[in-house]
Amino acid sequence: LRHAGMTVVGLIMTLLPLLFPRWF
C-alpha cells in the first residue's frame, strides 16, 4: 500500500506537467 501510494504521487507529479506544462 505504501509503494502504491508513492507510485500514485509520482504519476500525478509527472503527468500534470505533461498535461498542463504551463502551470505544473
PDB file of all heavy atoms in Angstrom:
ATOM      1  N   LEU A   1       0.835  -1.201   0.000  1.00  0.00           N
ATOM      2  CA  LEU A   1       0.000   0.000   0.000  1.00  0.00           C
ATOM      3  C   LEU A   1       0.871   1.252   0.000  1.00  0.00           C
ATOM      4  O   LEU A   1       0.570   2.230  -0.697  1.00  0.00           O
ATOM      5  CB  LEU A   1      -0.917  -0.012   1.228  1.00  0.00           C
ATOM      6  CG  LEU A   1      -1.922   1.140   1.338  1.00  0.00           C
ATOM      7  CD1 LEU A   1      -2.872   1.139   0.145  1.00  0.00           C
ATOM      8  CD2 LEU A   1      -2.703   1.018   2.650  1.00  0.00           C
ATOM      9  N   ARG A   2       1.967   1.206   0.768  1.00  0.00           N
ATOM     10  CA  ARG A   2       2.868   2.349   0.816  1.00  0.00           C
ATOM     11  C   ARG A   2       3.501   2.600  -0.544  1.00  0.00           C
ATOM     12  O   ARG A   2       3.595   3.740  -1.020  1.00  0.00           O
ATOM     13  CB  ARG A   2       3.952   2.100   1.865  1.00  0.00           C
ATOM     14  CG  ARG A   2       4.894   3.274   2.074  1.00  0.00           C
ATOM     15  CD  ARG A   2       5.898   3.009   3.200  1.00  0.00           C
ATOM     16  NE  ARG A   2       6.760   1.875   2.906  1.00  0.00           N
ATOM     17  CZ  ARG A   2       6.749   0.723   3.550  1.00  0.00           C
ATOM     18  NH1 ARG A   2       5.872   0.527   4.533  1.00  0.00           N
ATOM     19  NH2 ARG A   2       7.588  -0.255   3.240  1.00  0.00           N
ATOM     20  N   HIS A   3       3.940   1.535  -1.195  1.00  0.00           N
ATOM     21  CA  HIS A   3       4.552   1.670  -2.520  1.00  0.00           C
ATOM     22  C   HIS A   3       3.539   2.164  -3.545  1.00  0.00           C
ATOM     23  O   HIS A   3       3.863   2.976  -4.406  1.00  0.00           O
ATOM     24  CB  HIS A   3       5.142   0.334  -2.962  1.00  0.00           C
ATOM     25  CG  HIS A   3       6.304  -0.102  -2.123  1.00  0.00           C
ATOM     26  ND1 HIS A   3       6.841  -1.371  -2.203  1.00  0.00           N
ATOM     27  CD2 HIS A   3       7.037   0.566  -1.191  1.00  0.00           C
ATOM     28  CE1 HIS A   3       7.840  -1.474  -1.338  1.00  0.00           C
ATOM     29  NE2 HIS A   3       7.984  -0.317  -0.729  1.00  0.00           N
ATOM     30  N   ALA A   4       2.300   1.666  -3.444  1.00  0.00           N
ATOM     31  CA  ALA A   4       1.251   2.121  -4.363  1.00  0.00           C
ATOM     32  C   ALA A   4       0.983   3.607  -4.172  1.00  0.00           C
ATOM     33  O   ALA A   4       0.783   4.347  -5.146  1.00  0.00           O
ATOM     34  CB  ALA A   4      -0.022   1.316  -4.152  1.00  0.00           C
ATOM     35  N   GLY A   5       1.016   4.066  -2.922  1.00  0.00           N
ATOM     36  CA  GLY A   5       0.799   5.487  -2.655  1.00  0.00           C
ATOM     37  C   GLY A   5       1.887   6.350  -3.261  1.00  0.00           C
ATOM     38  O   GLY A   5       1.607   7.392  -3.866  1.00  0.00           O
ATOM     39  N   MET A   6       3.149   5.921  -3.119  1.00  0.00           N
ATOM     40  CA  MET A   6       4.238   6.682  -3.718  1.00  0.00           C
ATOM     41  C   MET A   6       4.142   6.696  -5.236  1.00  0.00           C
ATOM     42  O   MET A   6       4.404   7.714  -5.880  1.00  0.00           O
ATOM     43  CB  MET A   6       5.588   6.092  -3.282  1.00  0.00           C
ATOM     44  CG  MET A   6       5.975   6.442  -1.863  1.00  0.00           C
ATOM     45  SD  MET A   6       7.678   5.959  -1.459  1.00  0.00           S
ATOM     46  CE  MET A   6       7.485   4.182  -1.338  1.00  0.00           C
ATOM     47  N   THR A   7       3.739   5.557  -5.821  1.00  0.00           N
ATOM     48  CA  THR A   7       3.602   5.486  -7.269  1.00  0.00           C
ATOM     49  C   THR A   7       2.522   6.442  -7.762  1.00  0.00           C
ATOM     50  O   THR A   7       2.693   7.126  -8.781  1.00  0.00           O
ATOM     51  CB  THR A   7       3.275   4.048  -7.708  1.00  0.00           C
ATOM     52  OG1 THR A   7       4.334   3.171  -7.275  1.00  0.00           O
ATOM     53  CG2 THR A   7       3.135   3.963  -9.216  1.00  0.00           C
ATOM     54  N   VAL A   8       1.407   6.510  -7.033  1.00  0.00           N
ATOM     55  CA  VAL A   8       0.321   7.422  -7.416  1.00  0.00           C
ATOM     56  C   VAL A   8       0.803   8.872  -7.343  1.00  0.00           C
ATOM     57  O   VAL A   8       0.552   9.674  -8.253  1.00  0.00           O
ATOM     58  CB  VAL A   8      -0.908   7.209  -6.511  1.00  0.00           C
ATOM     59  CG1 VAL A   8      -1.931   8.324  -6.717  1.00  0.00           C
ATOM     60  CG2 VAL A   8      -1.543   5.859  -6.781  1.00  0.00           C
ATOM     61  N   VAL A   9       1.509   9.210  -6.258  1.00  0.00           N
ATOM     62  CA  VAL A   9       2.044  10.568  -6.130  1.00  0.00           C
ATOM     63  C   VAL A   9       2.999  10.875  -7.283  1.00  0.00           C
ATOM     64  O   VAL A   9       2.947  11.946  -7.894  1.00  0.00           O
ATOM     65  CB  VAL A   9       2.763  10.739  -4.776  1.00  0.00           C
ATOM     66  CG1 VAL A   9       3.510  12.075  -4.732  1.00  0.00           C
ATOM     67  CG2 VAL A   9       1.759  10.682  -3.629  1.00  0.00           C
ATOM     68  N   GLY A  10       3.881   9.914  -7.597  1.00  0.00           N
ATOM     69  CA  GLY A  10       4.825  10.115  -8.684  1.00  0.00           C
ATOM     70  C   GLY A  10       4.151  10.287 -10.023  1.00  0.00           C
ATOM     71  O   GLY A  10       4.546  11.133 -10.832  1.00  0.00           O
ATOM     72  N   LEU A  11       3.124   9.479 -10.276  1.00  0.00           N
ATOM     73  CA  LEU A  11       2.382   9.588 -11.541  1.00  0.00           C
ATOM     74  C   LEU A  11       1.698  10.941 -11.661  1.00  0.00           C
ATOM     75  O   LEU A  11       1.730  11.578 -12.725  1.00  0.00           O
ATOM     76  CB  LEU A  11       1.361   8.461 -11.652  1.00  0.00           C
ATOM     77  CG  LEU A  11       1.897   7.084 -12.022  1.00  0.00           C
ATOM     78  CD1 LEU A  11       0.793   6.036 -11.913  1.00  0.00           C
ATOM     79  CD2 LEU A  11       2.482   7.084 -13.433  1.00  0.00           C
ATOM     80  N   ILE A  12       1.080  11.396 -10.580  1.00  0.00           N
ATOM     81  CA  ILE A  12       0.397  12.695 -10.606  1.00  0.00           C
ATOM     82  C   ILE A  12       1.406  13.816 -10.875  1.00  0.00           C
ATOM     83  O   ILE A  12       1.168  14.703 -11.711  1.00  0.00           O
ATOM     84  CB  ILE A  12      -0.348  12.943  -9.280  1.00  0.00           C
ATOM     85  CG1 ILE A  12      -1.538  11.968  -9.147  1.00  0.00           C
ATOM     86  CG2 ILE A  12      -0.846  14.387  -9.203  1.00  0.00           C
ATOM     87  CD1 ILE A  12      -2.234  12.031  -7.802  1.00  0.00           C
ATOM     88  N   MET A  13       2.554  13.768 -10.174  1.00  0.00           N
ATOM     89  CA  MET A  13       3.556  14.820 -10.329  1.00  0.00           C
ATOM     90  C   MET A  13       4.220  14.794 -11.703  1.00  0.00           C
ATOM     91  O   MET A  13       4.760  15.807 -12.153  1.00  0.00           O
ATOM     92  CB  MET A  13       4.628  14.681  -9.242  1.00  0.00           C
ATOM     93  CG  MET A  13       4.132  14.977  -7.843  1.00  0.00           C
ATOM     94  SD  MET A  13       5.443  14.801  -6.578  1.00  0.00           S
ATOM     95  CE  MET A  13       6.508  16.183  -7.006  1.00  0.00           C
ATOM     96  N   THR A  14       4.196  13.637 -12.375  1.00  0.00           N
ATOM     97  CA  THR A  14       4.791  13.540 -13.706  1.00  0.00           C
ATOM     98  C   THR A  14       3.786  13.846 -14.802  1.00  0.00           C
ATOM     99  O   THR A  14       4.122  14.498 -15.801  1.00  0.00           O
ATOM    100  CB  THR A  14       5.379  12.129 -13.922  1.00  0.00           C
ATOM    101  OG1 THR A  14       6.324  11.848 -12.875  1.00  0.00           O
ATOM    102  CG2 THR A  14       6.097  12.038 -15.267  1.00  0.00           C
ATOM    103  N   LEU A  15       2.551  13.411 -14.621  1.00  0.00           N
ATOM    104  CA  LEU A  15       1.539  13.604 -15.656  1.00  0.00           C
ATOM    105  C   LEU A  15       1.014  15.038 -15.696  1.00  0.00           C
ATOM    106  O   LEU A  15       0.730  15.561 -16.781  1.00  0.00           O
ATOM    107  CB  LEU A  15       0.384  12.632 -15.440  1.00  0.00           C
ATOM    108  CG  LEU A  15       0.692  11.154 -15.719  1.00  0.00           C
ATOM    109  CD1 LEU A  15      -0.516  10.279 -15.384  1.00  0.00           C
ATOM    110  CD2 LEU A  15       1.096  10.944 -17.174  1.00  0.00           C
ATOM    111  N   LEU A  16       0.873  15.684 -14.546  1.00  0.00           N
ATOM    112  CA  LEU A  16       0.358  17.054 -14.541  1.00  0.00           C
ATOM    113  C   LEU A  16       1.214  17.992 -15.394  1.00  0.00           C
ATOM    114  O   LEU A  16       0.668  18.786 -16.170  1.00  0.00           O
ATOM    115  CB  LEU A  16       0.251  17.579 -13.106  1.00  0.00           C
ATOM    116  CG  LEU A  16      -0.984  17.153 -12.309  1.00  0.00           C
ATOM    117  CD1 LEU A  16      -0.921  17.682 -10.888  1.00  0.00           C
ATOM    118  CD2 LEU A  16      -2.267  17.634 -12.990  1.00  0.00           C
ATOM    119  N   PRO A  17       2.546  17.947 -15.298  1.00  0.00           N
ATOM    120  CA  PRO A  17       3.345  18.817 -16.176  1.00  0.00           C
ATOM    121  C   PRO A  17       3.183  18.479 -17.654  1.00  0.00           C
ATOM    122  O   PRO A  17       3.276  19.385 -18.499  1.00  0.00           O
ATOM    123  CB  PRO A  17       4.786  18.551 -15.713  1.00  0.00           C
ATOM    124  CG  PRO A  17       4.669  18.036 -14.331  1.00  0.00           C
ATOM    125  CD  PRO A  17       3.397  17.253 -14.308  1.00  0.00           C
ATOM    126  N   LEU A  18       2.969  17.206 -17.982  1.00  0.00           N
ATOM    127  CA  LEU A  18       2.798  16.839 -19.383  1.00  0.00           C
ATOM    128  C   LEU A  18       1.435  17.279 -19.908  1.00  0.00           C
ATOM    129  O   LEU A  18       1.299  17.638 -21.082  1.00  0.00           O
ATOM    130  CB  LEU A  18       2.965  15.328 -19.543  1.00  0.00           C
ATOM    131  CG  LEU A  18       4.357  14.783 -19.191  1.00  0.00           C
ATOM    132  CD1 LEU A  18       4.387  13.267 -19.329  1.00  0.00           C
ATOM    133  CD2 LEU A  18       5.436  15.423 -20.063  1.00  0.00           C
ATOM    134  N   LEU A  19       0.434  17.274 -19.045  1.00  0.00           N
ATOM    135  CA  LEU A  19      -0.907  17.694 -19.459  1.00  0.00           C
ATOM    136  C   LEU A  19      -1.047  19.213 -19.430  1.00  0.00           C
ATOM    137  O   LEU A  19      -1.669  19.808 -20.318  1.00  0.00           O
ATOM    138  CB  LEU A  19      -1.960  17.058 -18.546  1.00  0.00           C
ATOM    139  CG  LEU A  19      -2.084  15.539 -18.624  1.00  0.00           C
ATOM    140  CD1 LEU A  19      -3.032  15.023 -17.545  1.00  0.00           C
ATOM    141  CD2 LEU A  19      -2.564  15.100 -20.003  1.00  0.00           C
ATOM    142  N   PHE A  20      -0.473  19.843 -18.413  1.00  0.00           N
ATOM    143  CA  PHE A  20      -0.580  21.300 -18.243  1.00  0.00           C
ATOM    144  C   PHE A  20       0.813  21.872 -17.975  1.00  0.00           C
ATOM    145  O   PHE A  20       1.119  22.303 -16.851  1.00  0.00           O
ATOM    146  CB  PHE A  20      -1.524  21.628 -17.076  1.00  0.00           C
ATOM    147  CG  PHE A  20      -2.853  20.938 -17.157  1.00  0.00           C
ATOM    148  CD1 PHE A  20      -3.117  19.825 -16.366  1.00  0.00           C
ATOM    149  CD2 PHE A  20      -3.843  21.389 -18.025  1.00  0.00           C
ATOM    150  CE1 PHE A  20      -4.334  19.184 -16.424  1.00  0.00           C
ATOM    151  CE2 PHE A  20      -5.074  20.758 -18.088  1.00  0.00           C
ATOM    152  CZ  PHE A  20      -5.319  19.651 -17.298  1.00  0.00           C
ATOM    153  N   PRO A  21       1.665  21.872 -18.990  1.00  0.00           N
ATOM    154  CA  PRO A  21       3.067  22.267 -18.766  1.00  0.00           C
ATOM    155  C   PRO A  21       3.232  23.697 -18.288  1.00  0.00           C
ATOM    156  O   PRO A  21       4.193  23.987 -17.563  1.00  0.00           O
ATOM    157  CB  PRO A  21       3.712  22.055 -20.134  1.00  0.00           C
ATOM    158  CG  PRO A  21       2.584  22.080 -21.118  1.00  0.00           C
ATOM    159  CD  PRO A  21       1.412  21.501 -20.400  1.00  0.00           C
ATOM    160  N   ARG A  22       2.334  24.577 -18.660  1.00  0.00           N
ATOM    161  CA  ARG A  22       2.495  25.981 -18.280  1.00  0.00           C
ATOM    162  C   ARG A  22       2.453  26.164 -16.768  1.00  0.00           C
ATOM    163  O   ARG A  22       3.200  26.985 -16.213  1.00  0.00           O
ATOM    164  CB  ARG A  22       1.409  26.841 -18.935  1.00  0.00           C
ATOM    165  CG  ARG A  22       1.448  28.301 -18.507  1.00  0.00           C
ATOM    166  CD  ARG A  22       0.462  29.161 -19.272  1.00  0.00           C
ATOM    167  NE  ARG A  22       0.458  30.527 -18.773  1.00  0.00           N
ATOM    168  CZ  ARG A  22       1.367  31.445 -19.084  1.00  0.00           C
ATOM    169  NH1 ARG A  22       2.355  31.137 -19.895  1.00  0.00           N
ATOM    170  NH2 ARG A  22       1.293  32.664 -18.579  1.00  0.00           N
ATOM    171  N   TRP A  23       1.613  25.386 -16.082  1.00  0.00           N
ATOM    172  CA  TRP A  23       1.400  25.591 -14.665  1.00  0.00           C
ATOM    173  C   TRP A  23       2.166  24.612 -13.779  1.00  0.00           C
ATOM    174  O   TRP A  23       2.517  24.941 -12.652  1.00  0.00           O
ATOM    175  CB  TRP A  23      -0.101  25.493 -14.353  1.00  0.00           C
ATOM    176  CG  TRP A  23      -0.899  26.477 -15.133  1.00  0.00           C
ATOM    177  CD1 TRP A  23      -1.746  26.228 -16.173  1.00  0.00           C
ATOM    178  CD2 TRP A  23      -0.905  27.892 -14.968  1.00  0.00           C
ATOM    179  NE1 TRP A  23      -2.283  27.380 -16.666  1.00  0.00           N
ATOM    180  CE2 TRP A  23      -1.782  28.436 -15.940  1.00  0.00           C
ATOM    181  CE3 TRP A  23      -0.255  28.765 -14.096  1.00  0.00           C
ATOM    182  CZ2 TRP A  23      -2.014  29.789 -16.060  1.00  0.00           C
ATOM    183  CZ3 TRP A  23      -0.493  30.117 -14.206  1.00  0.00           C
ATOM    184  CH2 TRP A  23      -1.365  30.621 -15.182  1.00  0.00           C
ATOM    185  N   PHE A  24       2.421  23.417 -14.258  1.00  0.00           N
ATOM    186  CA  PHE A  24       2.949  22.372 -13.375  1.00  0.00           C
ATOM    187  C   PHE A  24       4.343  21.880 -13.764  1.00  0.00           C
ATOM    188  O   PHE A  24       4.791  20.859 -13.250  1.00  0.00           O
ATOM    189  CB  PHE A  24       1.980  21.187 -13.350  1.00  0.00           C
ATOM    190  CG  PHE A  24       0.633  21.513 -12.766  1.00  0.00           C
ATOM    191  CD1 PHE A  24      -0.473  21.670 -13.590  1.00  0.00           C
ATOM    192  CD2 PHE A  24       0.477  21.674 -11.402  1.00  0.00           C
ATOM    193  CE1 PHE A  24      -1.716  21.976 -13.058  1.00  0.00           C
ATOM    194  CE2 PHE A  24      -0.756  21.981 -10.861  1.00  0.00           C
ATOM    195  CZ  PHE A  24      -1.866  22.133 -11.688  1.00  0.00           C
TER     196      PHE A  24
END
